[in-house]
Amino acid sequence: MRVMLADDAVLFREGLARILTDGGFTVTGQAGDGPTLIDLVRADPPDAAVIDLRMPPGHAAEGLEAAAAIRAIAPGVGLMLLSQYVEVHHALRLMTEFDGGVGYLLKDRVSDLGSFGADVRKVAGGETVIDPELVTRLVARRRARDPLEGLTERERRVLALMAQGLSNTAVAGDLHLAVKTVEAHVGSIFTKLGLVQHDREHRRVLAVLTFLRA
């Protein structure tokens, strides 16, 4: 399998080339920046390109921009982005804007030749590879962002009916519960959503808004 590499850290790039060569890959080109890599790919498209996320001139997301350019000129090239740290916003862009054949790994994964080589082959074959640390971050972020995570199924149902404008009495009738039971559920919802305002009706509005935004 033919691969090209792009990383402005020469020692890392050369070490990566050796690792891939030892793993049975043929390294057909190396670059220290995005534009050079794009020119290499345009001249002789490889099966995959392993690209550092941050490269000159700005050390921001040049690797991602290079990946986008490569996908435009050579759609069949697998794109493996490497990063020193997990950068969720860049990773999400890679996963959402590219239709398969992409990967996002932390640089320290390279030391596991067997796993890294397999991941590069997956990307070249059109699969998507995501670093386990990124998955952990995304799950944590999802939990942090979902304010309804701590509600029980019954509390979610009560809140959904509240969002429809039903009073506690109407909710009780709909769910065949005692009004006091519904009031207990509503109080629990307020507590779990962190709505501690003294104005009860204001809390009710805030709870409904939280439900609608979730």
N, C-alpha and C. Protein backbone atom coordinates (compact mmCIF):
# COMPACT_ATOMS: atom_id res chain seq x y z
N MET A 1 0.84 -1.20 0.00
CA MET A 1 0.00 0.00 0.00
C MET A 1 0.87 1.25 0.00
N ARG A 2 0.51 2.21 -0.83
CA ARG A 2 1.30 3.43 -1.00
C ARG A 2 0.76 4.56 -0.13
N VAL A 3 1.66 5.21 0.61
CA VAL A 3 1.23 6.29 1.49
C VAL A 3 2.13 7.51 1.32
N MET A 4 1.59 8.67 1.62
CA MET A 4 2.37 9.91 1.67
C MET A 4 2.23 10.50 3.06
N LEU A 5 3.24 11.23 3.49
CA LEU A 5 3.27 11.79 4.84
C LEU A 5 3.44 13.30 4.80
N ALA A 6 2.84 13.97 5.78
CA ALA A 6 3.03 15.42 5.90
C ALA A 6 3.12 15.78 7.38
N ASP A 7 4.29 16.30 7.76
CA ASP A 7 4.51 16.77 9.14
C ASP A 7 5.74 17.66 9.11
N ASP A 8 5.64 18.83 9.74
CA ASP A 8 6.78 19.74 9.71
C ASP A 8 7.88 19.36 10.67
N ALA A 9 7.60 18.40 11.58
CA ALA A 9 8.64 17.90 12.48
C ALA A 9 9.40 16.80 11.74
N VAL A 10 10.57 17.12 11.25
CA VAL A 10 11.31 16.21 10.38
C VAL A 10 11.61 14.88 11.05
N LEU A 11 12.06 14.91 12.29
CA LEU A 11 12.41 13.67 12.98
C LEU A 11 11.18 12.77 13.15
N PHE A 12 10.07 13.36 13.51
CA PHE A 12 8.85 12.56 13.65
C PHE A 12 8.44 11.99 12.31
N ARG A 13 8.50 12.80 11.26
CA ARG A 13 8.09 12.36 9.93
C ARG A 13 8.97 11.21 9.44
N GLU A 14 10.26 11.33 9.64
CA GLU A 14 11.17 10.26 9.20
C GLU A 14 10.96 8.99 10.01
N GLY A 15 10.70 9.18 11.32
CA GLY A 15 10.41 8.01 12.15
C GLY A 15 9.13 7.33 11.72
N LEU A 16 8.14 8.13 11.37
CA LEU A 16 6.87 7.59 10.89
C LEU A 16 7.07 6.83 9.59
N ALA A 17 7.90 7.38 8.72
CA ALA A 17 8.19 6.71 7.44
C ALA A 17 8.83 5.35 7.69
N ARG A 18 9.75 5.28 8.63
CA ARG A 18 10.40 4.00 8.94
C ARG A 18 9.39 3.00 9.50
N ILE A 19 8.54 3.49 10.40
CA ILE A 19 7.53 2.61 11.00
C ILE A 19 6.61 2.03 9.94
N LEU A 20 6.16 2.87 9.04
CA LEU A 20 5.26 2.40 7.98
C LEU A 20 5.96 1.47 7.01
N THR A 21 7.20 1.79 6.69
CA THR A 21 7.97 0.92 5.78
C THR A 21 8.16 -0.45 6.42
N ASP A 22 8.48 -0.47 7.69
CA ASP A 22 8.64 -1.74 8.40
C ASP A 22 7.33 -2.52 8.45
N GLY A 23 6.22 -1.79 8.37
CA GLY A 23 4.92 -2.44 8.41
C GLY A 23 4.40 -2.86 7.05
N GLY A 24 5.24 -2.74 6.01
CA GLY A 24 4.87 -3.20 4.68
C GLY A 24 4.30 -2.14 3.77
N PHE A 25 4.32 -0.87 4.21
CA PHE A 25 3.84 0.21 3.36
C PHE A 25 4.98 0.75 2.49
N THR A 26 4.60 1.38 1.39
CA THR A 26 5.57 2.06 0.54
C THR A 26 5.32 3.56 0.66
N VAL A 27 6.29 4.28 1.22
CA VAL A 27 6.15 5.72 1.38
C VAL A 27 6.60 6.39 0.09
N THR A 28 5.67 6.98 -0.62
CA THR A 28 5.97 7.53 -1.95
C THR A 28 6.24 9.04 -1.94
N GLY A 29 6.05 9.68 -0.79
CA GLY A 29 6.31 11.12 -0.74
C GLY A 29 6.21 11.65 0.67
N GLN A 30 7.00 12.68 0.96
CA GLN A 30 6.96 13.33 2.27
C GLN A 30 6.92 14.84 2.07
N ALA A 31 6.22 15.52 2.99
CA ALA A 31 6.12 16.98 2.90
C ALA A 31 6.14 17.58 4.30
N GLY A 32 6.53 18.84 4.36
CA GLY A 32 6.57 19.54 5.63
C GLY A 32 5.44 20.54 5.78
N ASP A 33 4.58 20.62 4.77
CA ASP A 33 3.45 21.55 4.83
C ASP A 33 2.34 21.07 3.90
N GLY A 34 1.18 21.66 4.03
CA GLY A 34 0.03 21.25 3.25
C GLY A 34 0.15 21.43 1.76
N PRO A 35 0.54 22.62 1.29
CA PRO A 35 0.63 22.83 -0.16
C PRO A 35 1.56 21.85 -0.86
N THR A 36 2.70 21.54 -0.23
CA THR A 36 3.63 20.58 -0.84
C THR A 36 2.99 19.21 -0.93
N LEU A 37 2.29 18.80 0.12
CA LEU A 37 1.60 17.51 0.10
C LEU A 37 0.56 17.47 -1.00
N ILE A 38 -0.20 18.54 -1.13
CA ILE A 38 -1.25 18.59 -2.16
C ILE A 38 -0.64 18.42 -3.55
N ASP A 39 0.50 19.07 -3.79
CA ASP A 39 1.17 18.94 -5.09
C ASP A 39 1.63 17.51 -5.32
N LEU A 40 2.16 16.87 -4.28
CA LEU A 40 2.61 15.48 -4.40
C LEU A 40 1.45 14.55 -4.73
N VAL A 41 0.34 14.76 -4.06
CA VAL A 41 -0.84 13.91 -4.28
C VAL A 41 -1.40 14.14 -5.68
N ARG A 42 -1.43 15.38 -6.10
CA ARG A 42 -1.94 15.69 -7.44
C ARG A 42 -1.10 14.99 -8.52
N ALA A 43 0.21 14.95 -8.31
CA ALA A 43 1.10 14.35 -9.30
C ALA A 43 1.03 12.82 -9.30
N ASP A 44 0.82 12.22 -8.12
CA ASP A 44 0.85 10.76 -8.03
C ASP A 44 0.04 10.31 -6.81
N PRO A 45 -1.27 10.24 -6.93
CA PRO A 45 -2.13 9.93 -5.78
C PRO A 45 -1.77 8.60 -5.11
N PRO A 46 -1.58 8.62 -3.78
CA PRO A 46 -1.30 7.39 -3.04
C PRO A 46 -2.61 6.72 -2.61
N ASP A 47 -2.49 5.64 -1.88
CA ASP A 47 -3.69 5.01 -1.32
C ASP A 47 -4.17 5.76 -0.08
N ALA A 48 -3.21 6.33 0.64
CA ALA A 48 -3.56 7.06 1.86
C ALA A 48 -2.52 8.14 2.12
N ALA A 49 -2.95 9.17 2.84
CA ALA A 49 -2.04 10.23 3.27
C ALA A 49 -2.17 10.38 4.78
N VAL A 50 -1.03 10.40 5.46
CA VAL A 50 -0.99 10.58 6.91
C VAL A 50 -0.54 12.02 7.16
N ILE A 51 -1.40 12.81 7.77
CA ILE A 51 -1.21 14.26 7.80
C ILE A 51 -1.26 14.81 9.22
N ASP A 52 -0.27 15.62 9.57
CA ASP A 52 -0.29 16.31 10.86
C ASP A 52 -1.38 17.37 10.83
N LEU A 53 -2.16 17.48 11.89
CA LEU A 53 -3.23 18.47 11.91
C LEU A 53 -2.70 19.90 11.88
N ARG A 54 -1.63 20.16 12.65
CA ARG A 54 -1.09 21.52 12.76
C ARG A 54 0.25 21.60 12.03
N MET A 55 0.29 22.41 10.99
CA MET A 55 1.51 22.59 10.20
C MET A 55 1.69 24.06 9.85
N PRO A 56 2.85 24.42 9.31
CA PRO A 56 3.06 25.81 8.87
C PRO A 56 2.03 26.18 7.79
N PRO A 57 1.72 27.48 7.67
CA PRO A 57 2.40 28.59 8.36
C PRO A 57 1.79 28.96 9.71
N GLY A 58 0.54 28.60 9.95
CA GLY A 58 -0.14 29.08 11.15
C GLY A 58 -0.21 28.10 12.30
N HIS A 59 0.13 26.83 12.02
CA HIS A 59 0.03 25.77 13.03
C HIS A 59 -1.35 25.77 13.68
N ALA A 60 -2.37 25.87 12.84
CA ALA A 60 -3.76 25.87 13.31
C ALA A 60 -4.43 24.58 12.87
N ALA A 61 -5.02 24.59 11.68
CA ALA A 61 -5.68 23.39 11.16
C ALA A 61 -5.30 23.18 9.70
N GLU A 62 -4.03 23.49 9.38
CA GLU A 62 -3.57 23.36 7.99
C GLU A 62 -3.71 21.94 7.46
N GLY A 63 -3.53 20.96 8.34
CA GLY A 63 -3.67 19.58 7.91
C GLY A 63 -5.08 19.26 7.46
N LEU A 64 -6.04 19.82 8.17
CA LEU A 64 -7.44 19.60 7.81
C LEU A 64 -7.77 20.26 6.48
N GLU A 65 -7.21 21.45 6.26
CA GLU A 65 -7.44 22.14 4.98
C GLU A 65 -6.78 21.37 3.84
N ALA A 66 -5.60 20.82 4.10
CA ALA A 66 -4.92 20.02 3.07
C ALA A 66 -5.75 18.77 2.76
N ALA A 67 -6.32 18.17 3.81
CA ALA A 67 -7.15 16.97 3.62
C ALA A 67 -8.35 17.29 2.74
N ALA A 68 -8.96 18.45 2.97
CA ALA A 68 -10.12 18.85 2.17
C ALA A 68 -9.73 19.04 0.70
N ALA A 69 -8.56 19.65 0.48
CA ALA A 69 -8.08 19.86 -0.90
C ALA A 69 -7.78 18.53 -1.57
N ILE A 70 -7.19 17.62 -0.83
CA ILE A 70 -6.87 16.30 -1.39
C ILE A 70 -8.14 15.54 -1.74
N ARG A 71 -9.12 15.61 -0.87
CA ARG A 71 -10.38 14.92 -1.14
C ARG A 71 -11.03 15.45 -2.42
N ALA A 72 -10.83 16.74 -2.69
CA ALA A 72 -11.41 17.35 -3.89
C ALA A 72 -10.70 16.90 -5.16
N ILE A 73 -9.37 16.74 -5.10
CA ILE A 73 -8.62 16.39 -6.31
C ILE A 73 -8.40 14.89 -6.47
N ALA A 74 -8.45 14.15 -5.35
CA ALA A 74 -8.24 12.71 -5.40
C ALA A 74 -9.14 12.04 -4.38
N PRO A 75 -10.42 11.90 -4.69
CA PRO A 75 -11.42 11.40 -3.73
C PRO A 75 -11.11 10.02 -3.16
N GLY A 76 -10.31 9.24 -3.86
CA GLY A 76 -10.05 7.88 -3.40
C GLY A 76 -8.94 7.75 -2.38
N VAL A 77 -8.27 8.85 -2.06
CA VAL A 77 -7.15 8.80 -1.11
C VAL A 77 -7.68 8.80 0.33
N GLY A 78 -7.28 7.80 1.11
CA GLY A 78 -7.65 7.77 2.51
C GLY A 78 -6.89 8.86 3.26
N LEU A 79 -7.52 9.47 4.24
CA LEU A 79 -6.93 10.60 4.94
C LEU A 79 -6.85 10.33 6.44
N MET A 80 -5.63 10.19 6.95
CA MET A 80 -5.42 9.96 8.37
C MET A 80 -4.80 11.21 9.00
N LEU A 81 -5.55 11.88 9.87
CA LEU A 81 -5.06 13.07 10.55
C LEU A 81 -4.47 12.67 11.90
N LEU A 82 -3.28 13.21 12.19
CA LEU A 82 -2.63 12.98 13.48
C LEU A 82 -2.58 14.28 14.26
N SER A 83 -2.80 14.18 15.56
CA SER A 83 -2.77 15.37 16.40
C SER A 83 -2.06 15.08 17.72
N GLN A 84 -1.38 16.10 18.24
CA GLN A 84 -0.70 15.94 19.51
C GLN A 84 -1.70 15.80 20.65
N TYR A 85 -2.82 16.51 20.51
CA TYR A 85 -3.86 16.51 21.54
C TYR A 85 -5.22 16.30 20.88
N VAL A 86 -6.19 15.89 21.68
CA VAL A 86 -7.55 15.75 21.18
C VAL A 86 -8.15 17.15 21.01
N GLU A 87 -8.52 17.48 19.80
CA GLU A 87 -9.16 18.76 19.50
C GLU A 87 -10.53 18.44 18.89
N VAL A 88 -11.52 18.42 19.75
CA VAL A 88 -12.84 17.92 19.38
C VAL A 88 -13.44 18.64 18.18
N HIS A 89 -13.34 19.97 18.14
CA HIS A 89 -13.98 20.71 17.04
C HIS A 89 -13.39 20.35 15.69
N HIS A 90 -12.05 20.14 15.64
CA HIS A 90 -11.44 19.75 14.37
C HIS A 90 -11.84 18.32 14.01
N ALA A 91 -11.86 17.45 15.00
CA ALA A 91 -12.22 16.06 14.75
C ALA A 91 -13.66 15.95 14.25
N LEU A 92 -14.55 16.72 14.84
CA LEU A 92 -15.95 16.69 14.42
C LEU A 92 -16.10 17.18 12.98
N ARG A 93 -15.33 18.18 12.63
CA ARG A 93 -15.38 18.67 11.26
C ARG A 93 -14.94 17.57 10.29
N LEU A 94 -13.87 16.87 10.65
CA LEU A 94 -13.37 15.79 9.81
C LEU A 94 -14.42 14.70 9.65
N MET A 95 -15.09 14.35 10.74
CA MET A 95 -16.05 13.26 10.71
C MET A 95 -17.36 13.64 10.00
N THR A 96 -17.69 14.92 10.02
CA THR A 96 -18.98 15.33 9.44
C THR A 96 -18.88 15.83 8.01
N GLU A 97 -17.75 16.40 7.65
CA GLU A 97 -17.62 16.99 6.31
C GLU A 97 -17.04 16.03 5.28
N PHE A 98 -16.43 14.94 5.74
CA PHE A 98 -15.82 13.98 4.82
C PHE A 98 -16.62 12.69 4.85
N ASP A 99 -16.89 12.17 3.66
CA ASP A 99 -17.73 10.99 3.55
C ASP A 99 -16.90 9.71 3.60
N GLY A 100 -16.48 9.33 4.81
CA GLY A 100 -15.71 8.09 4.98
C GLY A 100 -14.27 8.21 4.50
N GLY A 101 -13.49 7.18 4.76
CA GLY A 101 -12.09 7.17 4.34
C GLY A 101 -11.25 8.18 5.09
N VAL A 102 -11.61 8.43 6.35
CA VAL A 102 -10.86 9.39 7.16
C VAL A 102 -10.60 8.82 8.54
N GLY A 103 -9.56 9.36 9.18
CA GLY A 103 -9.24 8.93 10.54
C GLY A 103 -8.66 10.07 11.34
N TYR A 104 -8.83 9.98 12.65
CA TYR A 104 -8.27 10.98 13.55
C TYR A 104 -7.66 10.24 14.72
N LEU A 105 -6.32 10.32 14.84
CA LEU A 105 -5.61 9.62 15.91
C LEU A 105 -4.64 10.56 16.60
N LEU A 106 -4.40 10.28 17.87
CA LEU A 106 -3.35 10.99 18.58
C LEU A 106 -2.00 10.45 18.13
N LYS A 107 -0.99 11.30 18.14
CA LYS A 107 0.32 10.90 17.62
C LYS A 107 0.94 9.74 18.39
N ASP A 108 0.61 9.61 19.67
CA ASP A 108 1.24 8.52 20.42
C ASP A 108 0.72 7.15 20.02
N ARG A 109 -0.35 7.10 19.21
CA ARG A 109 -0.84 5.81 18.71
C ARG A 109 0.10 5.22 17.67
N VAL A 110 0.94 6.06 17.10
CA VAL A 110 1.85 5.61 16.04
C VAL A 110 2.83 4.55 16.56
N SER A 111 3.14 4.60 17.84
CA SER A 111 4.13 3.67 18.40
C SER A 111 3.64 2.22 18.38
N ASP A 112 2.33 2.02 18.30
CA ASP A 112 1.78 0.67 18.21
C ASP A 112 1.65 0.34 16.72
N LEU A 113 2.72 -0.20 16.15
CA LEU A 113 2.79 -0.40 14.70
C LEU A 113 1.64 -1.23 14.17
N GLY A 114 1.33 -2.33 14.84
CA GLY A 114 0.27 -3.20 14.35
C GLY A 114 -1.06 -2.50 14.26
N SER A 115 -1.43 -1.82 15.32
CA SER A 115 -2.70 -1.11 15.36
C SER A 115 -2.72 0.07 14.40
N PHE A 116 -1.62 0.84 14.38
CA PHE A 116 -1.58 2.01 13.52
C PHE A 116 -1.64 1.61 12.05
N GLY A 117 -0.87 0.61 11.70
CA GLY A 117 -0.88 0.13 10.31
C GLY A 117 -2.26 -0.33 9.89
N ALA A 118 -2.94 -1.05 10.80
CA ALA A 118 -4.29 -1.53 10.49
C ALA A 118 -5.25 -0.36 10.30
N ASP A 119 -5.06 0.69 11.11
CA ASP A 119 -5.93 1.86 11.00
C ASP A 119 -5.72 2.60 9.67
N VAL A 120 -4.47 2.70 9.24
CA VAL A 120 -4.19 3.35 7.96
C VAL A 120 -4.83 2.55 6.82
N ARG A 121 -4.74 1.24 6.91
CA ARG A 121 -5.35 0.40 5.87
C ARG A 121 -6.87 0.55 5.86
N LYS A 122 -7.47 0.69 7.05
CA LYS A 122 -8.92 0.88 7.13
C LYS A 122 -9.32 2.18 6.43
N VAL A 123 -8.58 3.25 6.72
CA VAL A 123 -8.89 4.54 6.11
C VAL A 123 -8.74 4.47 4.60
N ALA A 124 -7.68 3.80 4.14
CA ALA A 124 -7.48 3.65 2.69
C ALA A 124 -8.61 2.85 2.06
N GLY A 125 -9.22 1.98 2.86
CA GLY A 125 -10.33 1.17 2.36
C GLY A 125 -11.68 1.83 2.47
N GLY A 126 -11.69 3.10 2.89
CA GLY A 126 -12.94 3.84 2.95
C GLY A 126 -13.62 3.86 4.31
N GLU A 127 -12.98 3.24 5.32
CA GLU A 127 -13.58 3.23 6.66
C GLU A 127 -13.21 4.50 7.43
N THR A 128 -13.85 4.67 8.56
CA THR A 128 -13.57 5.81 9.44
C THR A 128 -12.94 5.29 10.73
N VAL A 129 -11.88 5.94 11.14
CA VAL A 129 -11.16 5.55 12.37
C VAL A 129 -11.16 6.72 13.34
N ILE A 130 -11.57 6.47 14.57
CA ILE A 130 -11.63 7.52 15.58
C ILE A 130 -10.80 7.10 16.79
N ASP A 131 -9.95 7.99 17.27
CA ASP A 131 -9.14 7.70 18.44
C ASP A 131 -10.04 7.44 19.65
N PRO A 132 -9.74 6.41 20.44
CA PRO A 132 -10.55 6.10 21.62
C PRO A 132 -10.68 7.29 22.58
N GLU A 133 -9.63 8.09 22.70
CA GLU A 133 -9.69 9.26 23.58
C GLU A 133 -10.72 10.26 23.09
N LEU A 134 -10.83 10.39 21.77
CA LEU A 134 -11.83 11.30 21.21
C LEU A 134 -13.23 10.80 21.52
N VAL A 135 -13.44 9.49 21.40
CA VAL A 135 -14.74 8.91 21.71
C VAL A 135 -15.12 9.23 23.16
N THR A 136 -14.16 9.08 24.06
CA THR A 136 -14.40 9.37 25.48
C THR A 136 -14.80 10.83 25.67
N ARG A 137 -14.09 11.73 25.00
CA ARG A 137 -14.38 13.15 25.12
C ARG A 137 -15.78 13.47 24.57
N LEU A 138 -16.13 12.86 23.45
CA LEU A 138 -17.43 13.14 22.84
C LEU A 138 -18.57 12.64 23.71
N VAL A 139 -18.38 11.47 24.32
CA VAL A 139 -19.41 10.93 25.21
C VAL A 139 -19.57 11.85 26.42
N ALA A 140 -18.45 12.27 26.99
CA ALA A 140 -18.49 13.16 28.15
C ALA A 140 -19.15 14.48 27.79
N ARG A 141 -18.83 15.00 26.61
CA ARG A 141 -19.41 16.26 26.18
C ARG A 141 -20.90 16.13 25.96
N ARG A 142 -21.31 15.00 25.41
CA ARG A 142 -22.74 14.76 25.18
C ARG A 142 -23.49 14.72 26.50
N ARG A 143 -22.88 14.03 27.48
CA ARG A 143 -23.53 13.94 28.79
C ARG A 143 -23.63 15.32 29.44
N ALA A 144 -22.57 16.08 29.30
CA ALA A 144 -22.55 17.41 29.92
C ALA A 144 -23.56 18.33 29.24
N ARG A 145 -23.81 18.09 27.97
CA ARG A 145 -24.66 18.97 27.19
C ARG A 145 -26.14 18.58 27.28
N ASP A 146 -26.42 17.35 27.75
CA ASP A 146 -27.80 16.87 27.81
C ASP A 146 -28.36 17.10 29.21
N PRO A 147 -29.10 18.17 29.40
CA PRO A 147 -29.61 18.49 30.74
C PRO A 147 -30.66 17.51 31.24
N LEU A 148 -31.21 16.69 30.34
CA LEU A 148 -32.25 15.75 30.74
C LEU A 148 -31.70 14.38 31.11
N GLU A 149 -30.39 14.25 31.09
CA GLU A 149 -29.75 12.96 31.32
C GLU A 149 -30.18 12.32 32.64
N GLY A 150 -30.33 13.15 33.68
CA GLY A 150 -30.62 12.59 35.00
C GLY A 150 -32.09 12.34 35.28
N LEU A 151 -32.96 12.68 34.36
CA LEU A 151 -34.40 12.48 34.59
C LEU A 151 -34.81 11.04 34.33
N THR A 152 -35.77 10.56 35.14
CA THR A 152 -36.32 9.23 34.90
C THR A 152 -37.26 9.29 33.70
N GLU A 153 -37.66 8.14 33.23
CA GLU A 153 -38.57 8.08 32.08
C GLU A 153 -39.90 8.77 32.42
N ARG A 154 -40.39 8.54 33.65
CA ARG A 154 -41.65 9.17 34.06
C ARG A 154 -41.49 10.68 34.15
N GLU A 155 -40.37 11.15 34.68
CA GLU A 155 -40.13 12.60 34.77
C GLU A 155 -40.04 13.24 33.39
N ARG A 156 -39.44 12.53 32.45
CA ARG A 156 -39.37 13.04 31.08
C ARG A 156 -40.78 13.17 30.48
N ARG A 157 -41.63 12.18 30.80
CA ARG A 157 -43.00 12.22 30.28
C ARG A 157 -43.77 13.38 30.89
N VAL A 158 -43.59 13.59 32.18
CA VAL A 158 -44.25 14.71 32.85
C VAL A 158 -43.79 16.03 32.24
N LEU A 159 -42.48 16.16 32.03
CA LEU A 159 -41.93 17.39 31.46
C LEU A 159 -42.43 17.61 30.04
N ALA A 160 -42.57 16.53 29.28
CA ALA A 160 -43.07 16.65 27.91
C ALA A 160 -44.50 17.18 27.91
N LEU A 161 -45.32 16.72 28.86
CA LEU A 161 -46.70 17.21 28.95
C LEU A 161 -46.73 18.66 29.44
N MET A 162 -45.81 19.00 30.34
CA MET A 162 -45.70 20.39 30.77
C MET A 162 -45.39 21.28 29.57
N ALA A 163 -44.52 20.78 28.68
CA ALA A 163 -44.14 21.55 27.50
C ALA A 163 -45.32 21.76 26.56
N GLN A 164 -46.34 20.90 26.69
CA GLN A 164 -47.55 21.06 25.87
C GLN A 164 -48.54 22.01 26.52
N GLY A 165 -48.15 22.55 27.68
CA GLY A 165 -49.00 23.54 28.35
C GLY A 165 -49.94 22.97 29.39
N LEU A 166 -49.82 21.69 29.71
CA LEU A 166 -50.72 21.06 30.66
C LEU A 166 -50.37 21.47 32.09
N SER A 167 -51.38 21.66 32.90
CA SER A 167 -51.20 21.93 34.32
C SER A 167 -50.89 20.63 35.04
N ASN A 168 -50.54 20.72 36.31
CA ASN A 168 -50.26 19.50 37.08
C ASN A 168 -51.50 18.61 37.13
N THR A 169 -52.66 19.23 37.27
CA THR A 169 -53.91 18.46 37.32
C THR A 169 -54.15 17.74 35.98
N ALA A 170 -53.90 18.44 34.89
CA ALA A 170 -54.09 17.83 33.57
C ALA A 170 -53.07 16.71 33.33
N VAL A 171 -51.83 16.94 33.78
CA VAL A 171 -50.80 15.91 33.63
C VAL A 171 -51.20 14.66 34.42
N ALA A 172 -51.73 14.89 35.63
CA ALA A 172 -52.16 13.77 36.47
C ALA A 172 -53.26 12.97 35.77
N GLY A 173 -54.19 13.67 35.14
CA GLY A 173 -55.26 12.97 34.43
C GLY A 173 -54.73 12.19 33.24
N ASP A 174 -53.79 12.77 32.51
CA ASP A 174 -53.25 12.12 31.32
C ASP A 174 -52.47 10.86 31.67
N LEU A 175 -51.74 10.92 32.79
CA LEU A 175 -50.88 9.79 33.18
C LEU A 175 -51.53 8.88 34.22
N HIS A 176 -52.78 9.22 34.60
CA HIS A 176 -53.52 8.42 35.59
C HIS A 176 -52.76 8.35 36.91
N LEU A 177 -52.31 9.53 37.35
CA LEU A 177 -51.58 9.64 38.61
C LEU A 177 -52.31 10.61 39.53
N ALA A 178 -51.99 10.53 40.81
CA ALA A 178 -52.51 11.49 41.76
C ALA A 178 -51.82 12.83 41.53
N VAL A 179 -52.53 13.92 41.77
CA VAL A 179 -51.94 15.24 41.57
C VAL A 179 -50.71 15.40 42.45
N LYS A 180 -50.75 14.91 43.68
CA LYS A 180 -49.59 15.03 44.57
C LYS A 180 -48.38 14.28 44.01
N THR A 181 -48.63 13.17 43.31
CA THR A 181 -47.53 12.42 42.69
C THR A 181 -46.90 13.24 41.58
N VAL A 182 -47.74 13.89 40.79
CA VAL A 182 -47.23 14.74 39.71
C VAL A 182 -46.44 15.91 40.30
N GLU A 183 -46.97 16.50 41.38
CA GLU A 183 -46.27 17.61 42.02
C GLU A 183 -44.90 17.16 42.52
N ALA A 184 -44.81 15.94 43.00
CA ALA A 184 -43.52 15.40 43.47
C ALA A 184 -42.56 15.23 42.29
N HIS A 185 -43.10 14.77 41.17
CA HIS A 185 -42.27 14.62 39.96
C HIS A 185 -41.77 15.98 39.49
N VAL A 186 -42.65 16.97 39.50
CA VAL A 186 -42.28 18.31 39.05
C VAL A 186 -41.19 18.88 39.96
N GLY A 187 -41.34 18.67 41.25
CA GLY A 187 -40.31 19.14 42.18
C GLY A 187 -38.98 18.48 41.94
N SER A 188 -39.03 17.18 41.64
CA SER A 188 -37.79 16.44 41.35
C SER A 188 -37.15 16.96 40.06
N ILE A 189 -37.99 17.26 39.07
CA ILE A 189 -37.48 17.81 37.79
C ILE A 189 -36.77 19.13 38.04
N PHE A 190 -37.41 20.01 38.81
CA PHE A 190 -36.79 21.29 39.12
C PHE A 190 -35.43 21.10 39.77
N THR A 191 -35.37 20.18 40.72
CA THR A 191 -34.12 19.95 41.46
C THR A 191 -33.03 19.42 40.53
N LYS A 192 -33.38 18.42 39.72
CA LYS A 192 -32.38 17.82 38.83
C LYS A 192 -31.90 18.78 37.76
N LEU A 193 -32.76 19.72 37.36
CA LEU A 193 -32.35 20.70 36.35
C LEU A 193 -31.68 21.91 36.98
N GLY A 194 -31.57 21.90 38.29
CA GLY A 194 -30.89 23.00 38.98
C GLY A 194 -31.69 24.28 39.00
N LEU A 195 -33.00 24.14 38.94
CA LEU A 195 -33.88 25.32 38.92
C LEU A 195 -34.34 25.59 40.36
N VAL A 196 -33.65 26.47 41.02
CA VAL A 196 -33.91 26.70 42.44
C VAL A 196 -34.55 28.06 42.70
N GLN A 197 -35.02 28.72 41.68
CA GLN A 197 -35.66 30.02 41.86
C GLN A 197 -36.88 29.90 42.77
N HIS A 198 -37.17 30.96 43.48
CA HIS A 198 -38.30 30.95 44.40
C HIS A 198 -39.63 31.09 43.65
N ASP A 199 -39.59 31.70 42.48
CA ASP A 199 -40.81 31.88 41.70
C ASP A 199 -41.15 30.56 41.01
N ARG A 200 -42.16 29.87 41.53
CA ARG A 200 -42.48 28.54 41.03
C ARG A 200 -42.84 28.54 39.55
N GLU A 201 -43.66 29.50 39.13
CA GLU A 201 -44.07 29.54 37.73
C GLU A 201 -42.89 29.83 36.81
N HIS A 202 -41.96 30.66 37.30
CA HIS A 202 -40.76 30.94 36.51
C HIS A 202 -39.97 29.66 36.32
N ARG A 203 -39.86 28.86 37.35
CA ARG A 203 -39.15 27.58 37.24
C ARG A 203 -39.84 26.66 36.23
N ARG A 204 -41.13 26.71 36.20
CA ARG A 204 -41.88 25.86 35.26
C ARG A 204 -41.54 26.25 33.82
N VAL A 205 -41.50 27.54 33.56
CA VAL A 205 -41.15 28.02 32.21
C VAL A 205 -39.72 27.60 31.86
N LEU A 206 -38.80 27.76 32.80
CA LEU A 206 -37.41 27.40 32.55
C LEU A 206 -37.26 25.90 32.28
N ALA A 207 -38.02 25.08 33.01
CA ALA A 207 -37.96 23.63 32.81
C ALA A 207 -38.43 23.28 31.41
N VAL A 208 -39.51 23.92 30.97
CA VAL A 208 -40.04 23.66 29.62
C VAL A 208 -39.03 24.10 28.56
N LEU A 209 -38.41 25.24 28.76
CA LEU A 209 -37.40 25.72 27.80
C LEU A 209 -36.23 24.74 27.74
N THR A 210 -35.83 24.21 28.88
CA THR A 210 -34.73 23.23 28.91
C THR A 210 -35.11 21.99 28.11
N PHE A 211 -36.35 21.54 28.27
CA PHE A 211 -36.83 20.37 27.53
C PHE A 211 -36.82 20.64 26.03
N LEU A 212 -37.28 21.79 25.62
CA LEU A 212 -37.37 22.11 24.20
C LEU A 212 -36.01 22.25 23.55
N ARG A 213 -35.00 22.69 24.33
CA ARG A 213 -33.66 22.88 23.78
C ARG A 213 -32.85 21.59 23.75
N ALA A 214 -33.25 20.58 24.52
CA ALA A 214 -32.45 19.35 24.66
C ALA A 214 -32.54 18.51 23.39
